């Protein structure tokens, strides 16, 4: 399995996507660090994605300390799925 990783400031990571950057900067300070790792199997299929970010909210960095971590595991790739839309 191959692992690909990235680490950058939020504003830098999203420099080429103005709309995503604008939305992210409504939540994250521009200098918040963002890291991600993507595990890819021998068939070039994503198997796992982890995302981490730590930052301090508020003016002059005097707010709440936030430590965000998420992990996504992809499985049953290629297996037929049955999805039913919820009723209104």
C-alpha atoms as a PDB file:
ATOM      1  CA  UNK A   1       0.000   0.000   0.000  1.00  0.00           C
ATOM      2  CA  UNK A   2       1.246   3.509  -0.819  1.00  0.00           C
ATOM      3  CA  UNK A   3       0.757   6.496   1.471  1.00  0.00           C
ATOM      4  CA  UNK A   4       0.567  10.066   0.218  1.00  0.00           C
ATOM      5  CA  UNK A   5       0.643  13.013   2.596  1.00  0.00           C
ATOM      6  CA  UNK A   6       0.303  16.779   2.622  1.00  0.00           C
ATOM      7  CA  UNK A   7       0.905  19.416   5.276  1.00  0.00           C
ATOM      8  CA  UNK A   8       0.217  23.090   4.731  1.00  0.00           C
ATOM      9  CA  UNK A   9      -1.597  26.145   6.039  1.00  0.00           C
ATOM     10  CA  UNK A  10      -5.304  26.217   5.165  1.00  0.00           C
ATOM     11  CA  UNK A  11      -5.007  29.356   3.010  1.00  0.00           C
ATOM     12  CA  UNK A  12      -2.079  27.807   1.101  1.00  0.00           C
ATOM     13  CA  UNK A  13      -3.774  24.410   0.610  1.00  0.00           C
ATOM     14  CA  UNK A  14      -6.799  26.032  -1.002  1.00  0.00           C
ATOM     15  CA  UNK A  15      -5.054  28.768  -2.988  1.00  0.00           C
ATOM     16  CA  UNK A  16      -6.221  27.313  -6.335  1.00  0.00           C
ATOM     17  CA  UNK A  17      -9.864  26.949  -5.246  1.00  0.00           C
ATOM     18  CA  UNK A  18     -11.153  30.446  -4.374  1.00  0.00           C
ATOM     19  CA  UNK A  19     -14.660  29.337  -3.339  1.00  0.00           C
ATOM     20  CA  UNK A  20     -13.409  26.534  -1.071  1.00  0.00           C
ATOM     21  CA  UNK A  21     -10.774  28.907   0.342  1.00  0.00           C
ATOM     22  CA  UNK A  22     -13.370  31.590   1.077  1.00  0.00           C
ATOM     23  CA  UNK A  23     -15.608  29.084   2.892  1.00  0.00           C
ATOM     24  CA  UNK A  24     -12.748  27.494   4.841  1.00  0.00           C
ATOM     25  CA  UNK A  25     -11.499  30.881   6.038  1.00  0.00           C
ATOM     26  CA  UNK A  26     -14.919  31.512   7.585  1.00  0.00           C
ATOM     27  CA  UNK A  27     -14.089  28.678  10.022  1.00  0.00           C
ATOM     28  CA  UNK A  28     -10.299  28.331  10.070  1.00  0.00           C
ATOM     29  CA  UNK A  29      -7.691  31.033  10.584  1.00  0.00           C
ATOM     30  CA  UNK A  30      -5.581  31.274   7.425  1.00  0.00           C
ATOM     31  CA  UNK A  31      -2.454  30.080   9.241  1.00  0.00           C
ATOM     32  CA  UNK A  32      -4.102  26.957  10.714  1.00  0.00           C
ATOM     33  CA  UNK A  33      -2.077  23.858   9.865  1.00  0.00           C
ATOM     34  CA  UNK A  34      -3.788  21.074   7.950  1.00  0.00           C
ATOM     35  CA  UNK A  35      -2.379  17.594   7.407  1.00  0.00           C
ATOM     36  CA  UNK A  36      -3.803  14.669   5.466  1.00  0.00           C
ATOM     37  CA  UNK A  37      -2.676  11.160   4.580  1.00  0.00           C
ATOM     38  CA  UNK A  38      -4.189   8.980   1.866  1.00  0.00           C
ATOM     39  CA  UNK A  39      -3.541   5.229   1.727  1.00  0.00           C
ATOM     40  CA  UNK A  40      -3.891   3.756  -1.779  1.00  0.00           C
ATOM     41  CA  UNK A  41      -3.942   0.001  -2.488  1.00  0.00           C
ATOM     42  CA  UNK A  42      -2.134  -1.876  -5.271  1.00  0.00           C
ATOM     43  CA  UNK A  43      -5.055  -1.223  -7.640  1.00  0.00           C
ATOM     44  CA  UNK A  44      -4.812   2.587  -7.133  1.00  0.00           C
ATOM     45  CA  UNK A  45      -7.985   2.630  -5.016  1.00  0.00           C
ATOM     46  CA  UNK A  46      -8.240   4.845  -1.940  1.00  0.00           C
ATOM     47  CA  UNK A  47      -8.468   2.742   1.229  1.00  0.00           C
ATOM     48  CA  UNK A  48      -8.025   5.206   4.099  1.00  0.00           C
ATOM     49  CA  UNK A  49      -7.911   8.984   4.534  1.00  0.00           C
ATOM     50  CA  UNK A  50      -6.928  10.814   7.710  1.00  0.00           C
ATOM     51  CA  UNK A  51      -7.270  14.558   8.211  1.00  0.00           C
ATOM     52  CA  UNK A  52      -5.896  16.592  11.132  1.00  0.00           C
ATOM     53  CA  UNK A  53      -5.940  20.265  12.001  1.00  0.00           C
ATOM     54  CA  UNK A  54      -5.107  22.250  15.123  1.00  0.00           C
ATOM     55  CA  UNK A  55      -5.795  25.941  15.568  1.00  0.00           C
ATOM     56  CA  UNK A  56      -6.903  28.610  18.015  1.00  0.00           C
ATOM     57  CA  UNK A  57     -10.043  30.614  17.333  1.00  0.00           C
ATOM     58  CA  UNK A  58     -10.707  34.205  18.288  1.00  0.00           C
ATOM     59  CA  UNK A  59      -8.968  37.521  17.861  1.00  0.00           C
ATOM     60  CA  UNK A  60      -5.278  37.659  18.736  1.00  0.00           C
ATOM     61  CA  UNK A  61      -5.288  33.868  19.248  1.00  0.00           C
ATOM     62  CA  UNK A  62      -7.065  34.298  22.602  1.00  0.00           C
ATOM     63  CA  UNK A  63     -10.012  31.990  21.900  1.00  0.00           C
ATOM     64  CA  UNK A  64     -10.762  28.310  21.939  1.00  0.00           C
ATOM     65  CA  UNK A  65      -8.143  25.685  21.084  1.00  0.00           C
ATOM     66  CA  UNK A  66      -9.490  23.291  18.429  1.00  0.00           C
ATOM     67  CA  UNK A  67      -7.967  19.899  17.619  1.00  0.00           C
ATOM     68  CA  UNK A  68      -9.796  18.303  14.679  1.00  0.00           C
ATOM     69  CA  UNK A  69      -9.100  14.699  13.661  1.00  0.00           C
ATOM     70  CA  UNK A  70     -11.039  12.543  11.211  1.00  0.00           C
ATOM     71  CA  UNK A  71     -10.409   9.135   9.647  1.00  0.00           C
ATOM     72  CA  UNK A  72     -12.289   7.594   6.741  1.00  0.00           C
ATOM     73  CA  UNK A  73     -11.943   3.930   5.778  1.00  0.00           C
ATOM     74  CA  UNK A  74     -13.086   2.821   2.325  1.00  0.00           C
ATOM     75  CA  UNK A  75     -14.156  -0.787   1.897  1.00  0.00           C
ATOM     76  CA  UNK A  76     -16.372  -2.975  -0.278  1.00  0.00           C
ATOM     77  CA  UNK A  77     -15.142  -1.090  -3.342  1.00  0.00           C
ATOM     78  CA  UNK A  78     -16.857  -2.442  -6.457  1.00  0.00           C
ATOM     79  CA  UNK A  79     -19.577  -4.223  -4.481  1.00  0.00           C
ATOM     80  CA  UNK A  80     -23.091  -3.342  -5.698  1.00  0.00           C
ATOM     81  CA  UNK A  81     -24.945  -1.147  -3.210  1.00  0.00           C
ATOM     82  CA  UNK A  82     -28.643  -0.526  -2.755  1.00  0.00           C
ATOM     83  CA  UNK A  83     -29.474   3.011  -1.712  1.00  0.00           C
ATOM     84  CA  UNK A  84     -32.987   4.189  -0.995  1.00  0.00           C
ATOM     85  CA  UNK A  85     -33.696   7.911  -0.929  1.00  0.00           C
ATOM     86  CA  UNK A  86     -35.549   9.116   2.158  1.00  0.00           C
ATOM     87  CA  UNK A  87     -39.184  10.046   1.729  1.00  0.00           C
ATOM     88  CA  UNK A  88     -40.138  13.709   2.075  1.00  0.00           C
END
